[in-house]
Amino acid sequence: MQSEKIGANTVAPDKKLAATRLWLAQKIEASLPKTIILDRTPQTIKLIQDRYKLARQHASLDIAPAEERQFFDDLLDEILGFGPLEKALNDETVTEVMVNRADLVYIEQKGKITESDIIFVDDAHVERVIRKIIEPLGRYVGKDSPLVDARLPDGSRVNAVVSPCAIDGPNITIRKFSRTPFGIQDLINFGSLNQDMADFLEACVRAKLNIVVSGGTGSGKTSLLNVLSRFIPDGDRIVTIEDAAELSLLQRHVVRLETKKPAKAGDSEVTVRDLVINALRMRPERIVVGECRGGEALDMLQAMNTGHDGSLTTIHANNPRDTISRLETLVLMAGMDLPLSVVRKQIVSAVDLFVQQARLRDGSRKVINITEITGMEGETVVMQDIFKFEEQRGSTEENLIGEFLPGGMRPNCEQRLRTYGYNPPASLFMGNRNGNLSRRVR
């Protein structure tokens, strides 16, 4: 690619065009009425088009006729959307966007991460997009508060870091959510779990078992939590608590709460723990916490132990046994001087089921364990797998071969399921693949 000299720097033509587009976008934005709502209505697009034609008349813009249409479309993305990221965000095959710096952007497609051709003009351009994301949410990012979590209008999760914490320039990480939220049948079709596991999980949610979805970063915990929440009966009062609202519940009797970050230095903050404590005063029948990652784990366990059966949350952990250790650590972060034995008893009393989600080496996401807590022996928490995923020989990096299998033991929660009208046959848990979870209609 040939380069043209601009000032003291050598700039590639595509970056020069991006700089021209950014300059023009800022100029047009400054000329628009302050009362206008910047969305993609025909009236707004027409107004921007008129301003664009005026700007072209008063400035010698070197744009080839063949590039004119694309230039204007990109200009609309800059003014009405999120600039260079807009096309990736609208691409259904892209599941994650990672801006490492202005000239280095990666995307994830079909479980594979590749470098993209997306470029920003400079660091200020990246910060402009960050502000467009967070300002409608009343959030702030700057030198005195360089970290921010937010969400896009479609619920996609956004994390941004700026100077002084971002050494090579501001960066953005966006985990996209499907415009049409997944249902349990979608997960079955994806191979994330099988029908027996789906039926069992539905029965457990309806029977008000307390469930913790665990897994690593990017394993699909929040998506699975969202699917499980769909099984909550419409009549139950649900309170959801999240750092950045991502859950999309279909029930009507839902109260959604979100943390509040300081909008500027000196502002107050409302944490997940504050919201969990407050939720207990809201007469919830179910509490759904998007993720436990601090002292709120203690309050969540207390809620599960005090009449809020059927609560759901997620936690970062690599396997069910690690989830116990992680919960213990988070409870101790609450600042309460509790003996470890007491914390374990609280966990055993509160949590009924761990659902372990994993992202495997071929990029697929699967439920690899559904594990029940059965009690304690001395100081050890006793658990058993109800279902598990076993990898088979012949798997490769590109194609992982495996099978979902029952654990071979009937769960302790079986009687609870029967109380709520579910009659799981013994064959479902003992390895007979013809066994199905039947539900008695009451």
Protein backbone atom coordinates (compact mmCIF):
# COMPACT_ATOMS: atom_id res chain seq x y z
CA MET A 1 0.00 0.00 0.00
CA GLN A 2 1.38 3.41 -0.94
CA SER A 3 1.67 6.09 1.71
CA GLU A 4 1.15 9.84 1.64
CA LYS A 5 3.02 12.28 3.82
CA ILE A 6 0.81 14.35 6.11
CA GLY A 7 2.69 16.76 8.33
CA ALA A 8 5.65 15.04 9.90
CA ASN A 9 4.02 11.56 9.89
CA THR A 10 3.59 8.96 7.18
CA VAL A 11 -0.04 7.85 7.10
CA ALA A 12 -1.52 5.05 5.00
CA PRO A 13 -4.36 6.17 2.68
CA ASP A 14 -7.05 4.19 4.57
CA LYS A 15 -6.00 5.81 7.84
CA LYS A 16 -5.96 9.23 6.19
CA LEU A 17 -9.51 8.58 4.98
CA ALA A 18 -10.49 7.54 8.52
CA ALA A 19 -9.00 10.75 9.90
CA THR A 20 -10.96 12.79 7.32
CA ARG A 21 -14.16 10.95 8.23
CA LEU A 22 -13.62 11.52 11.96
CA TRP A 23 -12.94 15.23 11.42
CA LEU A 24 -16.06 15.54 9.29
CA ALA A 25 -18.20 13.63 11.81
CA GLN A 26 -17.14 15.97 14.62
CA LYS A 27 -17.84 18.99 12.44
CA ILE A 28 -21.33 17.73 11.53
CA GLU A 29 -22.12 16.79 15.13
CA ALA A 30 -21.24 20.30 16.25
CA SER A 31 -23.64 21.74 13.68
CA LEU A 32 -26.63 19.57 14.63
CA PRO A 33 -29.38 20.95 16.90
CA LYS A 34 -28.72 20.12 20.55
CA THR A 35 -32.25 18.74 20.93
CA ILE A 36 -31.95 16.15 18.16
CA ILE A 37 -31.96 12.47 19.12
CA LEU A 38 -29.16 10.74 17.25
CA ASP A 39 -30.79 7.56 16.01
CA ARG A 40 -31.13 6.06 12.55
CA THR A 41 -34.44 7.58 11.53
CA PRO A 42 -34.89 8.73 7.91
CA GLN A 43 -35.19 12.33 9.15
CA THR A 44 -31.89 12.18 11.04
CA ILE A 45 -30.07 10.54 8.14
CA LYS A 46 -31.45 13.18 5.76
CA LEU A 47 -30.28 15.97 8.09
CA ILE A 48 -26.78 14.49 8.29
CA GLN A 49 -26.73 14.05 4.51
CA ASP A 50 -27.57 17.74 4.04
CA ARG A 51 -24.82 18.76 6.48
CA TYR A 52 -22.41 16.43 4.68
CA LYS A 53 -23.14 18.05 1.30
CA LEU A 54 -22.55 21.50 2.78
CA ALA A 55 -19.26 20.39 4.30
CA ARG A 56 -18.16 18.94 0.97
CA GLN A 57 -18.82 22.26 -0.73
CA HIS A 58 -16.74 24.22 1.78
CA ALA A 59 -13.88 21.74 2.11
CA SER A 60 -11.83 20.07 -0.58
CA LEU A 61 -12.34 16.44 0.38
CA ASP A 62 -10.38 14.02 -1.78
CA ILE A 63 -12.86 11.15 -2.00
CA ALA A 64 -13.07 8.99 -5.12
CA PRO A 65 -16.61 8.66 -6.57
CA ALA A 66 -16.45 4.88 -6.15
CA GLU A 67 -15.80 5.32 -2.41
CA GLU A 68 -18.46 7.99 -1.84
CA ARG A 69 -21.30 5.67 -0.79
CA GLN A 70 -19.09 3.66 1.58
CA PHE A 71 -17.58 6.86 3.01
CA PHE A 72 -21.02 8.24 3.85
CA ASP A 73 -22.15 4.93 5.40
CA ASP A 74 -19.03 4.92 7.58
CA LEU A 75 -19.70 8.56 8.44
CA LEU A 76 -23.19 7.59 9.66
CA ASP A 77 -21.60 4.84 11.80
CA GLU A 78 -19.26 7.46 13.27
CA ILE A 79 -22.10 9.83 14.18
CA LEU A 80 -24.99 7.48 14.95
CA GLY A 81 -23.13 4.36 16.05
CA PHE A 82 -19.82 3.29 17.52
CA GLY A 83 -17.52 4.29 14.69
CA PRO A 84 -15.12 1.65 13.33
CA LEU A 85 -16.66 -1.01 15.60
CA GLU A 86 -20.16 -0.70 14.16
CA LYS A 87 -19.78 -3.28 11.38
CA ALA A 88 -18.30 -5.89 13.72
CA LEU A 89 -21.07 -5.26 16.24
CA ASN A 90 -23.69 -5.78 13.50
CA ASP A 91 -22.05 -8.99 12.25
CA GLU A 92 -23.93 -11.93 13.79
CA THR A 93 -20.89 -14.20 13.35
CA VAL A 94 -18.70 -11.98 15.56
CA THR A 95 -19.01 -12.88 19.25
CA GLU A 96 -16.27 -10.72 20.76
CA VAL A 97 -14.42 -7.53 19.83
CA MET A 98 -11.11 -6.65 21.49
CA VAL A 99 -9.48 -3.26 20.90
CA ASN A 100 -5.91 -3.59 22.18
CA ARG A 101 -4.92 -0.16 20.90
CA ALA A 102 -5.92 2.20 18.13
CA ASP A 103 -4.20 0.20 15.37
CA LEU A 104 -4.69 -3.34 16.73
CA VAL A 105 -8.17 -4.85 16.98
CA TYR A 106 -9.03 -8.54 17.31
CA ILE A 107 -12.38 -10.25 16.82
CA GLU A 108 -13.73 -13.69 17.72
CA GLN A 109 -15.70 -15.59 15.09
CA LYS A 110 -16.94 -19.17 15.54
CA GLY A 111 -14.74 -19.60 18.59
CA LYS A 112 -11.55 -18.44 16.84
CA ILE A 113 -9.75 -15.16 17.55
CA THR A 114 -8.20 -13.35 14.59
CA GLU A 115 -6.74 -9.91 13.93
CA SER A 116 -9.20 -7.67 12.09
CA ASP A 117 -8.72 -4.81 9.63
CA ILE A 118 -10.53 -2.37 11.97
CA ILE A 119 -8.45 0.73 12.73
CA PHE A 120 -8.93 3.88 14.76
CA VAL A 121 -7.30 7.19 13.90
CA ASP A 122 -5.62 7.57 17.29
CA ASP A 123 -6.14 7.11 21.04
CA ALA A 124 -8.57 10.04 21.15
CA HIS A 125 -10.72 8.21 18.59
CA VAL A 126 -10.89 5.12 20.83
CA GLU A 127 -11.78 7.29 23.83
CA ARG A 128 -14.53 8.94 21.77
CA VAL A 129 -16.16 5.53 21.20
CA ILE A 130 -15.79 4.67 24.91
CA ARG A 131 -17.59 7.89 25.86
CA LYS A 132 -20.38 7.17 23.37
CA ILE A 133 -20.92 3.83 25.09
CA ILE A 134 -20.80 4.91 28.72
CA GLU A 135 -22.25 8.43 28.80
CA PRO A 136 -25.88 7.34 28.17
CA LEU A 137 -25.49 5.06 31.20
CA GLY A 138 -24.27 7.87 33.45
CA ARG A 139 -20.82 6.32 33.78
CA TYR A 140 -17.46 8.03 33.79
CA VAL A 141 -13.93 7.10 32.80
CA GLY A 142 -10.80 9.23 33.17
CA LYS A 143 -7.40 9.40 34.82
CA ASP A 144 -8.91 9.31 38.32
CA SER A 145 -11.26 6.43 37.36
CA PRO A 146 -9.61 4.56 34.46
CA LEU A 147 -11.71 1.36 34.57
CA VAL A 148 -15.33 1.09 33.52
CA ASP A 149 -17.91 -1.65 32.91
CA ALA A 150 -20.91 -0.88 30.75
CA ARG A 151 -23.30 -2.38 28.23
CA LEU A 152 -24.47 -1.68 24.70
CA PRO A 153 -28.17 -1.08 23.93
CA ASP A 154 -28.52 -4.76 22.94
CA GLY A 155 -27.14 -5.88 26.32
CA SER A 156 -23.62 -6.77 25.14
CA ARG A 157 -21.03 -6.45 27.88
CA VAL A 158 -18.35 -3.76 27.60
CA ASN A 159 -15.15 -3.22 29.59
CA ALA A 160 -12.86 -0.28 28.89
CA VAL A 161 -9.51 0.80 30.34
CA VAL A 162 -7.79 4.15 29.73
CA SER A 163 -4.57 5.83 30.86
CA PRO A 164 -2.78 5.54 33.26
CA CYS A 165 -3.77 1.87 33.61
CA ALA A 166 -3.77 1.24 29.84
CA ILE A 167 -0.10 1.54 28.92
CA ASP A 168 -0.32 1.23 25.12
CA GLY A 169 -3.45 3.32 24.76
CA PRO A 170 -7.13 2.94 25.69
CA ASN A 171 -8.63 -0.49 25.07
CA ILE A 172 -12.12 -1.91 24.80
CA THR A 173 -13.43 -5.45 25.23
CA ILE A 174 -16.97 -6.18 24.03
CA ARG A 175 -18.64 -9.54 24.58
CA LYS A 176 -21.62 -9.62 22.27
CA PHE A 177 -24.95 -11.19 23.04
CA SER A 178 -27.26 -12.61 20.43
CA ARG A 179 -30.00 -10.21 19.34
CA THR A 180 -32.40 -13.10 19.85
CA PRO A 181 -31.64 -14.55 23.32
CA PHE A 182 -30.85 -18.25 23.35
CA GLY A 183 -33.37 -20.77 24.60
CA ILE A 184 -32.68 -24.24 25.97
CA GLN A 185 -33.33 -25.81 22.55
CA ASP A 186 -30.62 -23.59 21.06
CA LEU A 187 -28.11 -24.92 23.59
CA ILE A 188 -29.14 -28.49 22.76
CA ASN A 189 -28.71 -27.77 19.05
CA PHE A 190 -25.28 -26.24 19.72
CA GLY A 191 -24.24 -29.40 21.57
CA SER A 192 -23.80 -27.56 24.87
CA LEU A 193 -25.89 -30.20 26.67
CA ASN A 194 -28.35 -32.97 25.82
CA GLN A 195 -32.10 -33.28 26.27
CA ASP A 196 -31.84 -35.30 29.51
CA MET A 197 -29.65 -32.62 31.11
CA ALA A 198 -31.97 -29.86 29.87
CA ASP A 199 -35.04 -31.58 31.32
CA PHE A 200 -33.26 -32.18 34.63
CA LEU A 201 -32.16 -28.54 34.90
CA GLU A 202 -35.67 -27.33 34.11
CA ALA A 203 -37.06 -29.55 36.86
CA CYS A 204 -34.42 -28.26 39.32
CA VAL A 205 -35.20 -24.60 38.60
CA ARG A 206 -38.95 -25.13 38.91
CA ALA A 207 -38.42 -27.13 42.11
CA LYS A 208 -36.58 -24.14 43.61
CA LEU A 209 -33.13 -25.63 43.96
CA ASN A 210 -30.39 -23.07 44.53
CA ILE A 211 -28.05 -23.27 41.54
CA VAL A 212 -24.57 -21.85 40.96
CA VAL A 213 -23.36 -21.73 37.35
CA SER A 214 -19.56 -21.90 37.37
CA GLY A 215 -16.98 -21.65 34.62
CA GLY A 216 -14.04 -19.76 33.23
CA THR A 217 -13.99 -16.44 31.40
CA GLY A 218 -15.89 -16.64 28.11
CA SER A 219 -17.32 -20.08 28.86
CA GLY A 220 -20.93 -18.90 28.50
CA LYS A 221 -21.99 -18.67 32.14
CA THR A 222 -24.22 -15.64 31.71
CA SER A 223 -25.93 -17.07 28.63
CA LEU A 224 -26.63 -20.30 30.49
CA LEU A 225 -27.91 -18.37 33.53
CA ASN A 226 -30.24 -16.45 31.24
CA VAL A 227 -31.58 -19.71 29.77
CA LEU A 228 -32.09 -21.26 33.22
CA SER A 229 -33.95 -18.17 34.42
CA ARG A 230 -36.55 -18.78 31.69
CA PHE A 231 -37.75 -21.83 33.67
CA ILE A 232 -38.80 -19.71 36.66
CA PRO A 233 -42.63 -19.70 36.82
CA ASP A 234 -44.32 -16.44 35.80
CA GLY A 235 -45.91 -15.92 39.21
CA ASP A 236 -42.63 -15.74 41.15
CA ARG A 237 -41.29 -12.31 42.08
CA ILE A 238 -37.73 -12.11 40.74
CA VAL A 239 -35.05 -9.55 41.58
CA THR A 240 -32.01 -9.52 39.27
CA ILE A 241 -28.76 -7.88 40.34
CA GLU A 242 -25.91 -7.16 37.94
CA ASP A 243 -22.84 -4.98 37.47
CA ALA A 244 -24.02 -4.17 33.96
CA ALA A 245 -27.50 -5.40 33.05
CA GLU A 246 -27.21 -8.34 30.65
CA LEU A 247 -29.96 -10.77 31.67
CA SER A 248 -33.12 -10.76 29.58
CA LEU A 249 -35.93 -12.39 31.56
CA LEU A 250 -39.27 -12.93 29.86
CA GLN A 251 -41.36 -13.03 33.04
CA ARG A 252 -43.46 -9.98 33.97
CA HIS A 253 -42.88 -9.96 37.75
CA VAL A 254 -39.21 -8.91 37.52
CA VAL A 255 -37.29 -6.09 39.19
CA ARG A 256 -33.93 -5.37 37.55
CA LEU A 257 -31.18 -3.71 39.59
CA GLU A 258 -27.79 -2.51 38.39
CA THR A 259 -24.76 -1.21 40.27
CA LYS A 260 -23.92 2.48 40.19
CA LYS A 261 -20.38 3.60 39.53
CA PRO A 262 -19.18 7.12 40.39
CA ALA A 263 -20.05 9.48 37.53
CA LYS A 264 -17.22 11.71 38.66
CA ALA A 265 -14.64 11.85 41.42
CA GLY A 266 -16.30 11.99 44.83
CA ASP A 267 -19.62 10.48 43.70
CA SER A 268 -21.23 7.68 45.68
CA GLU A 269 -21.08 4.06 44.57
CA VAL A 270 -23.66 1.28 44.86
CA THR A 271 -22.10 -2.19 44.77
CA VAL A 272 -23.53 -5.63 44.06
CA ARG A 273 -23.39 -6.32 47.79
CA ASP A 274 -25.44 -3.20 48.52
CA LEU A 275 -28.05 -4.36 46.02
CA VAL A 276 -28.19 -7.92 47.41
CA ILE A 277 -28.77 -6.57 50.91
CA ASN A 278 -31.41 -4.17 49.61
CA ALA A 279 -33.09 -6.93 47.56
CA LEU A 280 -33.88 -8.82 50.77
CA ARG A 281 -36.21 -5.93 51.71
CA MET A 282 -38.08 -6.17 48.39
CA ARG A 283 -39.96 -9.40 49.11
CA PRO A 284 -38.21 -11.45 46.42
CA GLU A 285 -39.09 -15.08 45.87
CA ARG A 286 -36.04 -15.57 43.68
CA ILE A 287 -32.80 -13.58 43.60
CA VAL A 288 -30.68 -13.82 40.46
CA VAL A 289 -27.18 -12.34 40.78
CA GLY A 290 -25.36 -11.98 37.47
CA GLU A 291 -22.01 -12.82 39.06
CA CYS A 292 -20.65 -13.19 42.58
CA ARG A 293 -17.09 -11.90 42.73
CA GLY A 294 -16.77 -10.34 46.18
CA GLY A 295 -18.31 -10.12 49.62
CA GLU A 296 -21.82 -10.30 48.16
CA ALA A 297 -21.29 -14.10 48.09
CA LEU A 298 -21.93 -14.16 51.86
CA ASP A 299 -25.18 -12.22 51.50
CA MET A 300 -26.23 -14.47 48.61
CA LEU A 301 -25.66 -17.59 50.73
CA GLN A 302 -27.61 -16.01 53.58
CA ALA A 303 -30.49 -15.28 51.20
CA MET A 304 -30.47 -18.87 49.96
CA ASN A 305 -30.57 -20.04 53.57
CA THR A 306 -33.41 -17.76 54.65
CA GLY A 307 -36.36 -18.57 52.45
CA HIS A 308 -35.22 -17.44 49.01
CA ASP A 309 -35.04 -20.91 47.48
CA GLY A 310 -34.56 -21.14 43.75
CA SER A 311 -31.96 -18.39 43.59
CA LEU A 312 -29.35 -18.38 40.82
CA THR A 313 -25.89 -16.90 40.35
CA THR A 314 -22.61 -17.42 38.48
CA ILE A 315 -19.04 -17.63 39.70
CA HIS A 316 -15.60 -17.97 38.12
CA ALA A 317 -14.17 -21.45 38.75
CA ASN A 318 -12.61 -24.25 36.72
CA ASN A 319 -14.50 -27.20 38.23
CA PRO A 320 -17.09 -27.89 40.94
CA ARG A 321 -14.47 -28.57 43.60
CA ASP A 322 -12.75 -25.27 42.80
CA THR A 323 -16.13 -23.55 43.07
CA ILE A 324 -16.29 -24.53 46.75
CA SER A 325 -12.86 -22.97 47.38
CA ARG A 326 -13.79 -19.89 45.36
CA LEU A 327 -17.00 -19.40 47.35
CA GLU A 328 -15.06 -19.73 50.60
CA THR A 329 -12.63 -17.04 49.46
CA LEU A 330 -15.41 -14.68 48.39
CA VAL A 331 -17.27 -15.10 51.67
CA LEU A 332 -14.12 -14.22 53.60
CA MET A 333 -13.82 -11.07 51.43
CA ALA A 334 -16.99 -9.82 53.12
CA GLY A 335 -14.83 -8.92 56.13
CA MET A 336 -16.56 -11.26 58.56
CA ASP A 337 -14.21 -13.20 60.80
CA LEU A 338 -15.85 -16.58 60.21
CA PRO A 339 -14.13 -19.94 60.73
CA LEU A 340 -13.69 -21.88 57.49
CA SER A 341 -15.77 -24.76 58.86
CA VAL A 342 -18.72 -22.39 59.38
CA VAL A 343 -18.36 -21.01 55.85
CA ARG A 344 -18.40 -24.54 54.41
CA LYS A 345 -21.51 -25.43 56.38
CA GLN A 346 -23.18 -22.30 55.01
CA ILE A 347 -22.28 -23.35 51.46
CA VAL A 348 -23.53 -26.92 51.94
CA SER A 349 -26.76 -25.66 53.49
CA ALA A 350 -27.38 -23.02 50.81
CA VAL A 351 -26.27 -24.47 47.45
CA ASP A 352 -27.96 -27.50 45.92
CA LEU A 353 -26.39 -27.72 42.48
CA PHE A 354 -23.29 -26.64 40.57
CA VAL A 355 -23.58 -26.41 36.78
CA GLN A 356 -20.07 -26.30 35.33
CA GLN A 357 -19.75 -24.61 31.95
CA ALA A 358 -16.50 -24.78 29.96
CA ARG A 359 -15.10 -23.52 26.72
CA LEU A 360 -13.22 -26.45 25.22
CA ARG A 361 -10.13 -26.31 23.07
CA ASP A 362 -12.07 -26.53 19.80
CA GLY A 363 -13.95 -23.35 20.76
CA SER A 364 -17.20 -25.10 21.69
CA ARG A 365 -18.98 -24.33 24.97
CA LYS A 366 -20.44 -27.23 26.92
CA VAL A 367 -21.93 -28.07 30.29
CA ILE A 368 -19.26 -30.52 31.48
CA ASN A 369 -20.69 -31.22 34.96
CA ILE A 370 -24.00 -31.03 36.73
CA THR A 371 -22.93 -31.69 40.29
CA GLU A 372 -24.98 -32.01 43.47
CA ILE A 373 -23.78 -31.15 46.97
CA THR A 374 -24.82 -34.06 49.18
CA GLY A 375 -23.42 -33.02 52.57
CA MET A 376 -20.22 -33.01 54.60
CA GLU A 377 -17.92 -35.70 55.91
CA GLY A 378 -15.80 -34.13 58.62
CA GLU A 379 -14.42 -30.93 57.04
CA THR A 380 -14.88 -32.10 53.44
CA VAL A 381 -17.81 -31.13 51.23
CA VAL A 382 -19.24 -34.24 49.54
CA MET A 383 -20.46 -33.92 45.95
CA GLN A 384 -21.62 -36.25 43.20
CA ASP A 385 -21.91 -35.80 39.45
CA ILE A 386 -25.46 -36.19 38.13
CA PHE A 387 -24.31 -35.67 34.54
CA LYS A 388 -20.88 -35.17 33.00
CA PHE A 389 -19.19 -34.71 29.65
CA GLU A 390 -16.46 -37.20 28.77
CA GLU A 391 -14.04 -36.60 25.93
CA GLN A 392 -13.39 -39.59 23.68
CA ARG A 393 -10.33 -40.77 21.85
CA GLY A 394 -9.85 -39.35 18.40
CA SER A 395 -10.53 -35.73 19.43
CA THR A 396 -8.52 -33.02 17.70
CA GLU A 397 -7.99 -29.29 18.23
CA GLU A 398 -10.56 -28.61 15.51
CA ASN A 399 -13.08 -31.32 16.37
CA LEU A 400 -13.52 -32.45 19.94
CA ILE A 401 -15.43 -35.74 20.24
CA GLY A 402 -17.23 -36.55 23.47
CA GLU A 403 -20.44 -37.73 25.08
CA PHE A 404 -22.77 -36.56 27.82
CA LEU A 405 -23.19 -39.32 30.37
CA PRO A 406 -25.21 -39.77 33.56
CA GLY A 407 -23.17 -39.99 36.75
CA GLY A 408 -24.61 -43.35 37.77
CA MET A 409 -26.07 -42.17 41.10
CA ARG A 410 -29.61 -41.07 41.88
CA PRO A 411 -29.57 -37.49 43.18
CA ASN A 412 -30.54 -36.56 46.73
CA CYS A 413 -32.82 -33.86 45.29
CA GLU A 414 -35.02 -36.50 43.64
CA GLN A 415 -37.65 -36.32 46.38
CA ARG A 416 -37.74 -32.53 46.04
CA LEU A 417 -38.40 -32.92 42.32
CA ARG A 418 -41.25 -35.33 43.01
CA THR A 419 -42.79 -32.83 45.43
CA TYR A 420 -42.99 -30.36 42.53
CA GLY A 421 -44.54 -32.90 40.16
CA TYR A 422 -41.48 -34.33 38.38
CA ASN A 423 -40.97 -38.09 38.21
CA PRO A 424 -37.43 -38.84 37.03
CA PRO A 425 -36.99 -42.55 36.27
CA ALA A 426 -33.96 -44.27 37.79
CA SER A 427 -32.76 -45.10 34.27
CA LEU A 428 -32.19 -41.38 33.63
CA PHE A 429 -29.32 -41.33 36.13
CA MET A 430 -28.09 -44.93 35.81
CA GLY A 431 -26.96 -44.97 32.19
CA ASN A 432 -30.02 -46.18 30.26
CA ARG A 433 -30.21 -43.77 27.35
CA ASN A 434 -33.91 -44.51 26.88
CA GLY A 435 -34.78 -42.93 30.20
CA ASN A 436 -36.47 -39.52 29.99
CA LEU A 437 -37.50 -37.09 32.69
CA SER A 438 -41.27 -37.09 32.72
CA ARG A 439 -43.32 -34.39 34.44
CA ARG A 440 -46.62 -35.15 36.07
CA VAL A 441 -49.26 -32.59 35.15
CA ARG A 442 -50.87 -31.35 38.35
